[in-house]
Protein backbone atom coordinates (compact mmCIF):
# COMPACT_ATOMS: atom_id res chain seq x y z
CA MET A 1 -95.95 68.28 -59.58
CA THR A 2 -97.30 66.83 -56.30
CA PRO A 3 -94.65 67.08 -53.59
CA VAL A 4 -93.28 63.67 -52.78
CA ASP A 5 -94.17 63.89 -49.11
CA GLN A 6 -97.90 64.36 -50.08
CA LEU A 7 -98.08 61.11 -52.08
CA PRO A 8 -100.16 58.15 -50.71
CA ALA A 9 -97.05 55.87 -50.64
CA TRP A 10 -95.13 58.48 -48.58
CA LYS A 11 -97.94 58.66 -46.04
CA ALA A 12 -98.06 54.83 -45.91
CA LEU A 13 -94.34 54.73 -45.28
CA GLU A 14 -94.77 57.12 -42.39
CA THR A 15 -97.32 54.82 -40.86
CA HIS A 16 -95.13 51.83 -41.52
CA ARG A 17 -92.09 53.61 -39.95
CA ASP A 18 -94.09 53.97 -36.75
CA GLN A 19 -94.90 50.24 -36.81
CA MET A 20 -91.34 49.38 -37.26
CA LYS A 21 -90.07 51.67 -34.56
CA ASN A 22 -89.31 49.03 -31.97
CA ARG A 23 -88.35 46.21 -34.21
CA HIS A 24 -84.63 45.27 -34.04
CA LEU A 25 -82.57 44.00 -36.95
CA ARG A 26 -81.66 40.95 -35.00
CA ALA A 27 -85.35 40.07 -34.73
CA LEU A 28 -86.17 40.96 -38.33
CA CYS A 29 -83.57 38.51 -39.61
CA THR A 30 -84.62 35.81 -37.14
CA ASP A 31 -88.27 36.17 -37.94
CA ASP A 32 -87.58 35.96 -41.75
CA PRO A 33 -84.66 33.55 -42.39
CA GLY A 34 -85.57 33.33 -46.06
CA ARG A 35 -84.56 36.93 -46.68
CA ALA A 36 -80.96 35.73 -46.81
CA ASP A 37 -81.77 34.10 -50.18
CA ARG A 38 -84.37 36.59 -51.43
CA TRP A 39 -82.44 39.74 -50.50
CA ARG A 40 -79.30 38.87 -52.42
CA THR A 41 -78.69 39.71 -56.09
CA ARG A 42 -75.92 38.91 -58.51
CA VAL A 43 -75.15 41.11 -61.56
CA GLY A 44 -72.11 40.02 -63.46
CA HIS A 45 -69.19 39.83 -61.17
CA LEU A 46 -70.88 41.57 -58.25
CA GLU A 47 -72.95 39.85 -55.60
CA VAL A 48 -74.85 42.20 -53.37
CA ASP A 49 -76.44 41.26 -50.05
CA TYR A 50 -78.90 43.60 -48.47
CA THR A 51 -80.21 41.25 -45.85
CA LYS A 52 -79.05 43.43 -42.90
CA HIS A 53 -81.50 46.29 -43.31
CA ARG A 54 -84.19 47.65 -41.09
CA ALA A 55 -86.84 46.74 -43.56
CA THR A 56 -89.32 44.02 -44.35
CA GLU A 57 -91.17 42.87 -47.45
CA ASP A 58 -93.87 45.32 -46.42
CA THR A 59 -91.21 48.15 -46.39
CA PHE A 60 -90.29 47.33 -49.95
CA HIS A 61 -93.92 47.11 -50.96
CA HIS A 62 -94.45 50.69 -49.91
CA LEU A 63 -91.16 51.81 -51.34
CA PHE A 64 -92.05 50.21 -54.75
CA ALA A 65 -95.32 52.07 -54.59
CA LEU A 66 -93.41 55.30 -53.96
CA ALA A 67 -91.25 54.60 -56.98
CA GLU A 68 -94.34 54.05 -59.10
CA GLN A 69 -96.04 57.21 -57.83
CA THR A 70 -92.92 59.26 -58.62
CA ASP A 71 -92.74 57.77 -62.17
CA VAL A 72 -89.28 56.29 -61.55
CA PRO A 73 -89.73 53.64 -64.34
CA ALA A 74 -90.65 56.46 -66.74
CA GLN A 75 -87.76 58.57 -65.57
CA ILE A 76 -85.35 55.66 -66.29
CA ALA A 77 -86.75 55.37 -69.71
CA ARG A 78 -86.33 59.12 -70.37
CA LEU A 79 -82.73 58.93 -69.06
CA PHE A 80 -81.81 56.22 -71.65
CA ALA A 81 -83.80 57.93 -74.44
CA GLY A 82 -81.63 61.06 -74.21
CA ALA A 83 -84.32 63.35 -72.94
CA ARG A 84 -83.15 66.66 -71.56
CA ILE A 85 -83.68 65.73 -67.97
CA ASN A 86 -80.98 68.18 -66.73
CA THR A 87 -83.68 70.88 -66.89
CA THR A 88 -81.78 73.85 -65.56
CA GLU A 89 -79.03 73.49 -68.25
CA GLN A 90 -81.41 72.02 -70.90
CA ARG A 91 -79.13 68.98 -71.39
CA ALA A 92 -79.54 65.30 -71.93
CA VAL A 93 -77.77 63.02 -69.47
CA LEU A 94 -76.35 60.15 -71.50
CA HIS A 95 -73.05 59.00 -69.97
CA MET A 96 -74.44 55.42 -70.42
CA ALA A 97 -73.76 55.97 -74.22
CA LEU A 98 -70.08 56.20 -73.47
CA ARG A 99 -70.22 52.64 -72.29
CA GLY A 100 -72.07 51.47 -75.37
CA ASP A 101 -70.64 49.10 -78.02
CA ALA A 102 -70.89 48.84 -81.77
CA HIS A 103 -74.45 47.51 -81.45
CA SER A 104 -75.75 50.22 -79.23
CA VAL A 105 -77.92 53.14 -80.30
CA PHE A 106 -78.23 56.20 -78.14
CA ARG A 107 -79.86 59.33 -79.54
CA VAL A 108 -79.83 62.96 -78.56
CA ASP A 109 -82.32 65.21 -80.40
CA GLY A 110 -82.85 62.29 -82.87
CA GLU A 111 -79.07 61.94 -83.64
CA ASP A 112 -77.32 58.67 -82.85
CA VAL A 113 -74.25 59.65 -80.84
CA MET A 114 -72.53 56.28 -81.00
CA PRO A 115 -70.55 56.88 -84.19
CA GLN A 116 -68.71 59.89 -82.65
CA ILE A 117 -68.16 57.91 -79.43
CA MET A 118 -66.70 55.03 -81.31
CA ALA A 119 -64.49 57.29 -83.37
CA THR A 120 -63.21 58.94 -80.25
CA ARG A 121 -62.55 55.59 -78.70
CA ALA A 122 -60.49 54.52 -81.74
CA ARG A 123 -58.43 57.70 -81.38
CA MET A 124 -57.94 56.89 -77.71
CA ARG A 125 -56.67 53.44 -78.63
CA GLN A 126 -54.17 54.78 -81.14
CA ALA A 127 -52.71 57.26 -78.57
CA CYS A 128 -52.58 54.57 -75.87
CA GLU A 129 -50.85 52.05 -77.97
CA THR A 130 -48.32 54.60 -79.25
CA LEU A 131 -47.50 55.66 -75.71
CA ARG A 132 -47.41 52.07 -74.29
CA ALA A 133 -45.16 50.98 -77.10
CA GLY A 134 -42.63 53.74 -76.31
CA ALA A 135 -43.22 55.26 -79.71
CA TRP A 136 -44.43 58.66 -78.54
CA LEU A 137 -41.41 60.83 -78.68
CA GLY A 138 -41.06 64.09 -76.90
CA ALA A 139 -39.55 67.24 -78.47
CA ALA A 140 -36.03 66.01 -77.72
CA GLY A 141 -36.65 62.79 -79.52
CA GLU A 142 -36.87 60.67 -76.34
CA PRO A 143 -39.78 58.30 -75.55
CA VAL A 144 -42.43 59.53 -73.16
CA THR A 145 -42.22 57.60 -69.87
CA ASP A 146 -44.56 59.67 -67.69
CA VAL A 147 -48.04 61.08 -68.23
CA VAL A 148 -49.55 63.72 -65.99
CA ASN A 149 -53.38 64.16 -65.90
CA ILE A 150 -54.24 67.78 -65.04
CA GLY A 151 -57.88 68.13 -63.99
CA ILE A 152 -60.10 68.59 -60.99
CA GLY A 153 -63.42 67.15 -59.76
CA GLY A 154 -64.75 64.68 -62.35
CA SER A 155 -61.76 65.18 -64.49
CA ASP A 156 -59.55 63.85 -61.68
CA LEU A 157 -61.42 61.86 -59.04
CA GLY A 158 -62.62 59.10 -61.44
CA PRO A 159 -59.47 58.53 -63.39
CA PHE A 160 -57.40 58.66 -60.19
CA MET A 161 -59.63 56.31 -58.30
CA ALA A 162 -59.73 53.79 -61.21
CA CYS A 163 -55.92 53.85 -61.62
CA GLU A 164 -55.49 53.11 -57.96
CA ALA A 165 -58.10 50.40 -57.98
CA LEU A 166 -56.62 48.64 -60.98
CA GLN A 167 -52.96 48.84 -59.86
CA PRO A 168 -52.24 45.20 -60.68
CA TYR A 169 -53.11 45.98 -64.39
CA LEU A 170 -50.72 48.94 -64.62
CA THR A 171 -47.51 48.66 -66.73
CA ASP A 172 -44.17 50.14 -65.79
CA THR A 173 -44.28 52.65 -68.59
CA PRO A 174 -45.74 55.08 -69.11
CA ARG A 175 -46.33 55.88 -65.41
CA VAL A 176 -49.43 57.88 -64.85
CA HIS A 177 -49.60 60.81 -62.31
CA PHE A 178 -52.40 63.23 -61.26
CA VAL A 179 -52.43 66.94 -60.46
CA SER A 180 -55.66 68.55 -59.38
CA ASN A 181 -55.21 71.05 -56.55
CA ILE A 182 -54.52 74.72 -56.95
CA ASP A 183 -52.00 74.25 -54.11
CA GLY A 184 -48.61 74.52 -55.77
CA ALA A 185 -47.26 71.91 -53.31
CA GLN A 186 -48.94 69.22 -55.30
CA ILE A 187 -47.68 69.98 -58.78
CA SER A 188 -44.20 70.66 -57.27
CA ARG A 189 -44.28 67.13 -55.68
CA VAL A 190 -45.49 65.40 -58.83
CA LEU A 191 -43.05 67.20 -61.24
CA ALA A 192 -39.93 67.00 -58.97
CA PRO A 193 -38.83 63.44 -59.99
CA LEU A 194 -39.91 63.73 -63.68
CA ASP A 195 -37.87 64.52 -66.75
CA PRO A 196 -39.63 67.21 -68.89
CA ARG A 197 -38.22 65.65 -72.00
CA ARG A 198 -40.06 62.43 -71.30
CA THR A 199 -43.30 63.90 -69.80
CA LEU A 200 -46.70 64.25 -71.48
CA PHE A 201 -49.59 66.20 -70.00
CA ILE A 202 -53.26 65.55 -70.51
CA VAL A 203 -55.20 68.80 -69.81
CA ASN A 204 -58.64 67.51 -68.79
CA SER A 205 -61.38 70.11 -68.45
CA LYS A 206 -64.75 70.20 -70.12
CA SER A 207 -64.99 73.96 -69.96
CA PHE A 208 -61.21 74.70 -70.00
CA GLY A 209 -62.17 77.51 -67.71
CA THR A 210 -61.58 75.90 -64.29
CA LEU A 211 -59.12 77.99 -62.24
CA GLU A 212 -57.19 75.06 -60.88
CA THR A 213 -56.70 73.32 -64.22
CA LYS A 214 -55.78 76.54 -66.13
CA ALA A 215 -53.19 77.39 -63.39
CA ASN A 216 -51.68 73.89 -63.36
CA ALA A 217 -51.63 73.73 -67.17
CA ASP A 218 -49.82 77.07 -67.34
CA THR A 219 -47.28 75.88 -64.78
CA ALA A 220 -46.76 72.67 -66.81
CA LYS A 221 -46.11 74.65 -70.04
CA HIS A 222 -43.62 76.88 -68.12
CA TRP A 223 -41.90 73.87 -66.64
CA LEU A 224 -41.37 72.31 -70.08
CA GLN A 225 -40.07 75.53 -71.54
CA GLN A 226 -37.64 76.07 -68.61
CA SER A 227 -35.97 72.81 -69.72
CA GLY A 228 -34.96 74.49 -72.98
CA LEU A 229 -37.64 72.89 -75.16
CA PRO A 230 -39.03 75.22 -77.81
CA LEU A 231 -42.67 76.25 -77.30
CA ASP A 232 -43.93 74.90 -80.65
CA ALA A 233 -42.35 71.53 -79.95
CA VAL A 234 -43.74 71.55 -76.40
CA MET A 235 -47.23 72.11 -77.56
CA SER A 236 -47.04 69.55 -80.41
CA ARG A 237 -45.31 66.72 -78.52
CA HIS A 238 -46.01 67.18 -74.78
CA PHE A 239 -49.76 68.00 -74.50
CA LEU A 240 -53.06 66.24 -75.08
CA ALA A 241 -56.41 67.79 -74.09
CA VAL A 242 -59.96 66.65 -73.34
CA SER A 243 -62.41 69.51 -73.57
CA ALA A 244 -65.48 70.83 -75.19
CA ASN A 245 -63.98 74.36 -75.54
CA GLN A 246 -62.15 74.27 -78.80
CA ALA A 247 -61.47 78.02 -78.79
CA ALA A 248 -59.71 77.82 -75.41
CA LEU A 249 -57.59 74.91 -76.54
CA SER A 250 -56.53 76.88 -79.63
CA ALA A 251 -55.63 79.86 -77.36
CA PHE A 252 -53.53 77.59 -75.13
CA GLY A 253 -51.81 76.18 -78.21
CA ILE A 254 -52.83 72.49 -78.27
CA PRO A 255 -52.92 71.24 -81.82
CA GLU A 256 -56.26 70.01 -83.11
CA GLU A 257 -54.97 66.42 -83.73
CA HIS A 258 -54.14 66.20 -79.98
CA ARG A 259 -57.64 67.14 -78.75
CA PHE A 260 -60.33 64.78 -77.58
CA PRO A 261 -63.99 65.83 -77.37
CA ILE A 262 -66.44 65.66 -74.59
CA TRP A 263 -70.10 66.47 -75.11
CA ASP A 264 -72.51 68.62 -73.23
CA TRP A 265 -74.62 65.53 -72.40
CA VAL A 266 -71.71 64.14 -70.26
CA GLY A 267 -71.60 65.60 -66.69
CA GLY A 268 -68.20 65.99 -65.23
CA ARG A 269 -68.74 63.50 -62.37
CA TYR A 270 -69.89 60.92 -64.96
CA SER A 271 -67.15 61.51 -67.42
CA LEU A 272 -64.48 58.89 -66.66
CA TRP A 273 -66.12 56.68 -69.35
CA SER A 274 -65.21 59.28 -71.99
CA ALA A 275 -61.85 60.49 -73.16
CA THR A 276 -61.61 62.00 -69.69
CA GLY A 277 -60.64 58.46 -68.74
CA LEU A 278 -57.67 58.58 -71.18
CA ALA A 279 -55.27 58.27 -68.25
CA ILE A 280 -56.95 55.02 -67.21
CA ALA A 281 -56.66 53.61 -70.72
CA ILE A 282 -52.97 54.59 -70.86
CA ALA A 283 -52.35 53.07 -67.44
CA ILE A 284 -54.11 49.68 -68.02
CA GLY A 285 -54.33 49.50 -71.74
CA MET A 286 -57.31 50.19 -74.00
CA ASP A 287 -58.50 46.53 -73.76
CA GLY A 288 -58.61 46.93 -69.95
CA PHE A 289 -60.57 50.27 -70.30
CA GLU A 290 -63.10 48.70 -72.68
CA SER A 291 -63.54 45.86 -70.13
CA MET A 292 -64.43 48.50 -67.58
CA LEU A 293 -66.96 49.97 -70.04
CA ALA A 294 -68.39 46.49 -70.56
CA GLY A 295 -68.88 46.00 -66.87
CA ALA A 296 -70.71 49.33 -66.53
CA ARG A 297 -72.82 48.42 -69.68
CA LEU A 298 -73.87 45.22 -67.96
CA MET A 299 -75.18 47.21 -64.97
CA ASP A 300 -76.82 49.71 -67.36
CA GLU A 301 -78.82 46.93 -69.02
CA HIS A 302 -79.86 45.45 -65.71
CA PHE A 303 -81.04 48.88 -64.41
CA ARG A 304 -82.82 49.62 -67.68
CA HIS A 305 -84.65 46.32 -68.13
CA ALA A 306 -84.87 44.47 -64.76
CA PRO A 307 -88.35 44.53 -63.17
CA MET A 308 -88.58 46.66 -60.13
CA ILE A 309 -88.58 43.76 -57.71
CA ASP A 310 -85.27 42.51 -59.13
CA ASN A 311 -83.67 45.75 -59.88
CA LEU A 312 -80.55 46.13 -57.77
CA PRO A 313 -79.72 49.83 -58.10
CA LEU A 314 -83.34 50.71 -57.71
CA ARG A 315 -83.66 48.62 -54.48
CA LEU A 316 -80.52 50.21 -52.99
CA GLY A 317 -81.78 53.68 -53.93
CA LEU A 318 -85.11 53.01 -52.22
CA LEU A 319 -83.33 51.91 -49.07
CA GLY A 320 -81.47 55.19 -49.18
CA VAL A 321 -84.75 57.09 -49.26
CA TRP A 322 -86.09 55.01 -46.49
CA TYR A 323 -83.14 55.84 -44.21
CA ALA A 324 -82.88 59.55 -45.06
CA ASP A 325 -86.52 60.46 -45.02
CA PHE A 326 -88.15 58.03 -42.59
CA LEU A 327 -85.46 56.89 -40.13
CA GLY A 328 -83.40 60.12 -39.90
CA ALA A 329 -80.09 58.95 -41.24
CA ALA A 330 -78.02 61.86 -42.38
CA SER A 331 -75.01 60.04 -43.67
CA GLN A 332 -73.91 56.99 -45.71
CA ALA A 333 -70.63 55.12 -44.94
CA VAL A 334 -68.62 53.59 -47.75
CA LEU A 335 -66.21 50.99 -46.35
CA PRO A 336 -64.04 49.26 -49.00
CA TYR A 337 -62.25 46.30 -47.57
CA ASP A 338 -59.64 46.42 -50.27
CA ASP A 339 -56.88 49.05 -50.08
CA ARG A 340 -56.95 49.53 -53.87
CA LEU A 341 -60.41 51.07 -53.40
CA ARG A 342 -59.21 53.56 -50.81
CA SER A 343 -60.24 56.51 -53.02
CA LEU A 344 -63.72 55.16 -53.69
CA PRO A 345 -65.31 57.05 -50.81
CA SER A 346 -63.91 60.33 -52.16
CA TYR A 347 -65.11 59.54 -55.66
CA LEU A 348 -68.63 58.73 -54.36
CA GLN A 349 -68.69 61.91 -52.29
CA GLN A 350 -68.69 63.88 -55.49
CA ALA A 351 -70.95 61.46 -57.38
CA ASP A 352 -73.57 61.53 -54.69
CA MET A 353 -73.23 64.82 -52.87
CA GLU A 354 -72.82 67.00 -55.93
CA SER A 355 -75.78 65.19 -57.61
CA ASN A 356 -78.27 65.05 -54.81
CA GLY A 357 -77.09 67.81 -52.49
CA LYS A 358 -80.05 69.93 -53.54
CA ARG A 359 -82.66 71.91 -51.61
CA VAL A 360 -85.18 72.69 -54.38
CA THR A 361 -87.15 70.43 -56.74
CA ARG A 362 -86.86 70.40 -60.49
CA ASP A 363 -89.53 73.12 -60.70
CA GLY A 364 -87.72 75.36 -58.16
CA GLN A 365 -89.80 74.61 -55.09
CA ALA A 366 -88.05 74.29 -51.68
CA VAL A 367 -88.13 70.70 -50.53
CA THR A 368 -89.58 69.80 -47.14
CA TRP A 369 -87.90 66.44 -46.99
CA ALA A 370 -84.28 65.20 -46.61
CA THR A 371 -82.31 64.81 -49.84
CA GLY A 372 -78.77 63.59 -50.41
CA PRO A 373 -76.79 62.06 -47.55
CA ILE A 374 -73.29 62.97 -46.40
CA VAL A 375 -71.09 60.28 -47.93
CA TRP A 376 -67.85 59.33 -46.20
CA GLY A 377 -65.68 56.39 -45.30
CA ALA A 378 -62.18 54.82 -45.35
CA PRO A 379 -60.71 51.48 -46.24
CA GLY A 380 -61.01 48.61 -43.76
CA THR A 381 -59.51 47.83 -41.46
CA ASN A 382 -58.16 51.31 -40.93
CA GLY A 383 -61.68 52.68 -40.32
CA GLN A 384 -62.15 50.23 -37.48
CA HIS A 385 -59.39 52.03 -35.54
CA ALA A 386 -60.74 55.42 -36.34
CA PHE A 387 -64.56 55.90 -36.46
CA PHE A 388 -66.20 52.48 -35.89
CA GLN A 389 -66.51 53.37 -32.19
CA LEU A 390 -69.14 55.93 -33.20
CA MET A 391 -70.81 53.48 -35.48
CA HIS A 392 -71.10 50.78 -32.78
CA GLN A 393 -71.87 52.89 -29.76
CA GLY A 394 -72.65 56.40 -30.90
CA THR A 395 -76.00 58.07 -31.21
CA HIS A 396 -76.24 58.24 -35.09
CA LEU A 397 -77.98 55.92 -37.42
CA ILE A 398 -75.37 55.17 -40.19
CA PRO A 399 -76.20 52.84 -42.96
CA ALA A 400 -72.97 51.40 -44.33
CA ASP A 401 -71.71 49.67 -47.53
CA PHE A 402 -69.14 47.01 -46.95
CA ILE A 403 -67.25 46.32 -50.20
CA GLY A 404 -64.93 43.26 -50.46
CA CYS A 405 -63.12 41.16 -53.10
CA ILE A 406 -63.31 37.40 -52.87
CA ARG A 407 -60.06 36.83 -54.70
CA PRO A 408 -57.09 39.15 -54.11
CA HIS A 409 -54.38 40.05 -56.56
CA HIS A 410 -51.64 39.32 -54.04
CA PRO A 411 -50.16 36.11 -52.60
CA HIS A 412 -50.73 36.98 -48.93
CA THR A 413 -53.56 34.55 -48.16
CA ARG A 414 -53.42 34.99 -44.40
CA HIS A 415 -53.76 38.72 -44.70
CA HIS A 416 -56.77 38.37 -47.02
CA ARG A 417 -58.54 35.99 -44.75
CA ALA A 418 -58.17 38.34 -41.82
CA LEU A 419 -59.39 41.23 -44.01
CA ILE A 420 -62.55 39.45 -45.15
CA ALA A 421 -63.16 38.06 -41.59
CA ASN A 422 -63.09 41.63 -40.23
CA MET A 423 -65.42 42.93 -42.88
CA LEU A 424 -67.96 40.08 -42.24
CA ALA A 425 -67.61 40.28 -38.49
CA GLN A 426 -68.06 44.08 -38.40
CA SER A 427 -71.26 44.00 -40.47
CA GLU A 428 -72.68 41.30 -38.22
CA ALA A 429 -71.66 43.11 -35.08
CA LEU A 430 -73.24 46.31 -36.22
CA MET A 431 -76.44 44.40 -37.00
CA HIS A 432 -76.52 42.07 -34.04
CA GLY A 433 -75.05 44.15 -31.23
CA ARG A 434 -74.80 42.73 -27.69
CA THR A 435 -77.43 42.95 -25.08
CA GLU A 436 -76.97 43.65 -21.42
CA ALA A 437 -77.42 40.04 -20.50
CA GLU A 438 -74.94 38.95 -23.09
CA THR A 439 -72.48 41.57 -21.93
CA ARG A 440 -72.76 40.49 -18.26
CA ALA A 441 -72.14 36.90 -19.29
CA ALA A 442 -69.06 37.90 -21.30
CA LEU A 443 -67.66 39.92 -18.47
CA ALA A 444 -68.34 37.07 -15.96
CA ALA A 445 -66.53 34.68 -18.28
CA ARG A 446 -63.44 36.87 -17.80
CA GLY A 447 -63.56 36.18 -14.09
CA LEU A 448 -64.64 39.66 -13.04
CA ASP A 449 -66.50 40.13 -9.78
CA GLU A 450 -70.03 41.45 -9.58
CA SER A 451 -69.23 45.01 -8.72
CA ARG A 452 -66.80 45.21 -11.57
CA ILE A 453 -69.39 43.72 -13.97
CA ASP A 454 -71.96 46.30 -12.76
CA ALA A 455 -69.49 49.04 -13.54
CA LEU A 456 -68.37 47.89 -16.94
CA THR A 457 -71.64 46.61 -18.36
CA PRO A 458 -73.01 50.00 -19.57
CA HIS A 459 -69.81 50.66 -21.43
CA ASN A 460 -69.78 47.22 -23.15
CA VAL A 461 -73.46 46.98 -24.35
CA PHE A 462 -73.68 47.34 -28.10
CA PRO A 463 -77.18 48.49 -29.39
CA GLY A 464 -76.66 46.98 -32.81
CA ASN A 465 -79.53 47.63 -35.22
CA GLN A 466 -77.10 49.42 -37.61
CA PRO A 467 -77.91 48.50 -41.23
CA SER A 468 -75.46 47.62 -43.96
CA THR A 469 -75.13 46.28 -47.46
CA THR A 470 -72.37 43.84 -48.43
CA ILE A 471 -70.99 44.11 -51.99
CA LEU A 472 -68.76 41.27 -53.00
CA LEU A 473 -66.59 41.47 -56.15
CA ASP A 474 -65.39 38.09 -57.47
CA ALA A 475 -62.06 40.05 -58.01
CA LEU A 476 -61.20 43.61 -58.56
CA THR A 477 -61.02 43.48 -62.32
CA PRO A 478 -61.73 46.35 -64.74
CA GLU A 479 -65.12 44.82 -65.60
CA ALA A 480 -66.09 44.39 -61.98
CA LEU A 481 -65.02 47.95 -61.18
CA GLY A 482 -67.12 49.26 -64.13
CA SER A 483 -70.17 47.41 -62.74
CA LEU A 484 -69.56 48.75 -59.21
CA ILE A 485 -69.36 52.37 -60.29
CA ALA A 486 -72.43 52.13 -62.46
CA LEU A 487 -74.28 50.54 -59.64
CA TYR A 488 -73.72 53.59 -57.49
CA GLU A 489 -74.54 55.97 -60.36
CA HIS A 490 -77.98 54.36 -60.87
CA ARG A 491 -78.67 54.27 -57.17
CA ILE A 492 -77.93 57.97 -57.03
CA PHE A 493 -80.25 58.50 -60.04
CA THR A 494 -83.09 56.56 -58.34
CA GLN A 495 -82.88 58.65 -55.18
CA GLY A 496 -82.90 61.94 -57.10
CA ALA A 497 -85.87 60.75 -59.18
CA ILE A 498 -87.89 60.09 -56.06
CA TRP A 499 -86.93 63.30 -54.35
CA GLY A 500 -87.89 65.29 -57.48
CA ILE A 501 -84.59 67.02 -57.75
CA ASN A 502 -82.22 67.58 -60.62
CA SER A 503 -79.28 65.26 -60.00
CA PHE A 504 -77.28 66.58 -62.94
CA ASP A 505 -76.49 70.25 -62.25
CA GLN A 506 -74.19 71.68 -59.62
CA TRP A 507 -74.94 75.39 -59.14
CA GLY A 508 -73.80 75.16 -55.51
CA VAL A 509 -70.18 75.07 -56.44
CA GLU A 510 -70.26 78.39 -58.25
CA LEU A 511 -70.80 81.12 -55.60
CA GLY A 512 -67.49 80.54 -53.76
CA LYS A 513 -65.59 80.27 -57.07
CA ILE A 514 -66.98 83.62 -58.21
CA MET A 515 -66.07 85.27 -54.96
CA ALA A 516 -62.58 83.83 -55.03
CA GLN A 517 -61.81 85.68 -58.24
CA THR A 518 -62.48 88.96 -56.43
CA VAL A 519 -60.27 87.89 -53.50
CA ILE A 520 -57.44 86.81 -55.84
CA GLY A 521 -57.48 90.34 -57.38
CA GLU A 522 -57.37 91.95 -53.90
CA LEU A 523 -54.42 89.67 -52.75
CA GLU A 524 -52.50 90.53 -55.98
CA SER A 525 -53.14 94.25 -55.67
CA GLY A 526 -52.80 94.48 -51.87
CA GLN A 527 -56.05 96.39 -51.69
CA ILE A 528 -59.06 95.02 -49.88
CA GLY A 529 -62.42 95.96 -51.35
CA ALA A 530 -65.46 97.19 -49.50
CA SER A 531 -67.64 94.23 -50.36
CA HIS A 532 -66.43 91.99 -47.50
CA ASP A 533 -68.01 91.47 -43.99
CA PRO A 534 -65.66 92.68 -41.21
CA TRP A 535 -64.59 89.22 -40.22
CA SER A 536 -63.58 88.22 -43.76
CA ALA A 537 -61.80 91.57 -44.24
CA ALA A 538 -59.83 90.93 -41.02
CA LEU A 539 -58.66 87.58 -42.38
CA LEU A 540 -57.70 89.14 -45.65
CA THR A 541 -55.65 91.75 -43.84
CA THR A 542 -53.82 88.95 -42.00
CA CYS A 543 -53.03 87.18 -45.28
CA LEU A 544 -51.73 90.45 -46.83
CA ALA A 545 -49.45 91.21 -43.80
CA PRO A 546 -45.74 90.69 -44.48
CA THR A 547 -44.19 87.57 -42.87
CA ASP A 548 -40.68 86.74 -41.84
């Protein structure tokens, strides 16, 4: 495989970058006013404006050539065909099938996987409707009023984010809670107000071997038994599970009829569309969950079939490559101007950084180009009072995604106008900036004398030239949320395809977990092994020391 940085299109982009070096976003938009219409795409309930980018039609011409030379269209086709594109684990990557409907056909090794998906979805509906009707009785004969999802990573971040985002669609009962961290403070806080006789746990772990999930599941079982409920009744009335490890579920004691499958072609960070999303379905109803699937399916079809020039996830992925590899941007800001999306940056951290945080290509060669960005962010307008100073006047190039909803789900119109106004103003200010002449004029208008203007001008100049995408949702509905998440999934895929990396394994999370098992044994025994460096051994000694 030819390294991507040796391809003709890559070389052309390097030349083009040098030609673009002194061109400011303000001038790019002024010189090409028509881009406001051309660089704007609607898919379903999402409208995406990528006008404010340090790019021209020539930039996209070279980026499209790069996509062709890295076989991105063919890689998209292989993705949807169920090819084993996760090469290190020899797995297909087919989370799109989880969003399919009765007319969809997705095959792995020649077998249509849709029948088993639809059967699992029917079982999810039955469980959801029983719980939401108050007909699921605990071991003491009382209706379940609270459901606790126990999982971590993809088994937590996606369901948690979606339940927060879709809060207006939640019902009073059952209430849905989440436990992920090994820190006992979290499960203690979640369980403290709950009644064990009315609480159901969903143990959510593809492998059922994750330390955090196993420890929290054991604690949940012990908490239920402490209430006086018999173990057999606890396991038959107070636990559901989502896992691929049937043997481990049997050992834990969860009855077969309370287990939901997840398949090896579903990666954890892409699993909220499966039974991993059972907590979402319980919270908003199965109809709402299926609307979320439909929104994602709409984006899937767009990504799969839209020509390159009109393909929204592909265009956004290409811009990410442009910034990371040619303009030196190390990070990507995600700025949701809707408080219900406050956990979206955390969710996308895993989706992007676990996928594309790789340093070797699919064939094991070290990359000589930048790969995945650092993804971070916070909801507006909170972020404006935290890190926007660095974005406006710092020394880093930070592409940003501004995400807003045109229609809110609350009656506070004045608040919403101010929120949207801030979002639009911030993206414009980051793009436009303020020149020295404009700054001096603004300070003079405040009545300042010339010496004071001279002193303050350097501190009040804004370079601008910071690029951003604006993503507008008609409203934050389940369908719109599904499309939004799928948009990011496919953008991440596009970037990984161009970089030539495997976006669907995550070996980097393993080493620390393996070493932690050794340290746990040492902390339990009080004996420090000889395998540690002196500095780590000193820290272990401190942790073993008795405290008052």
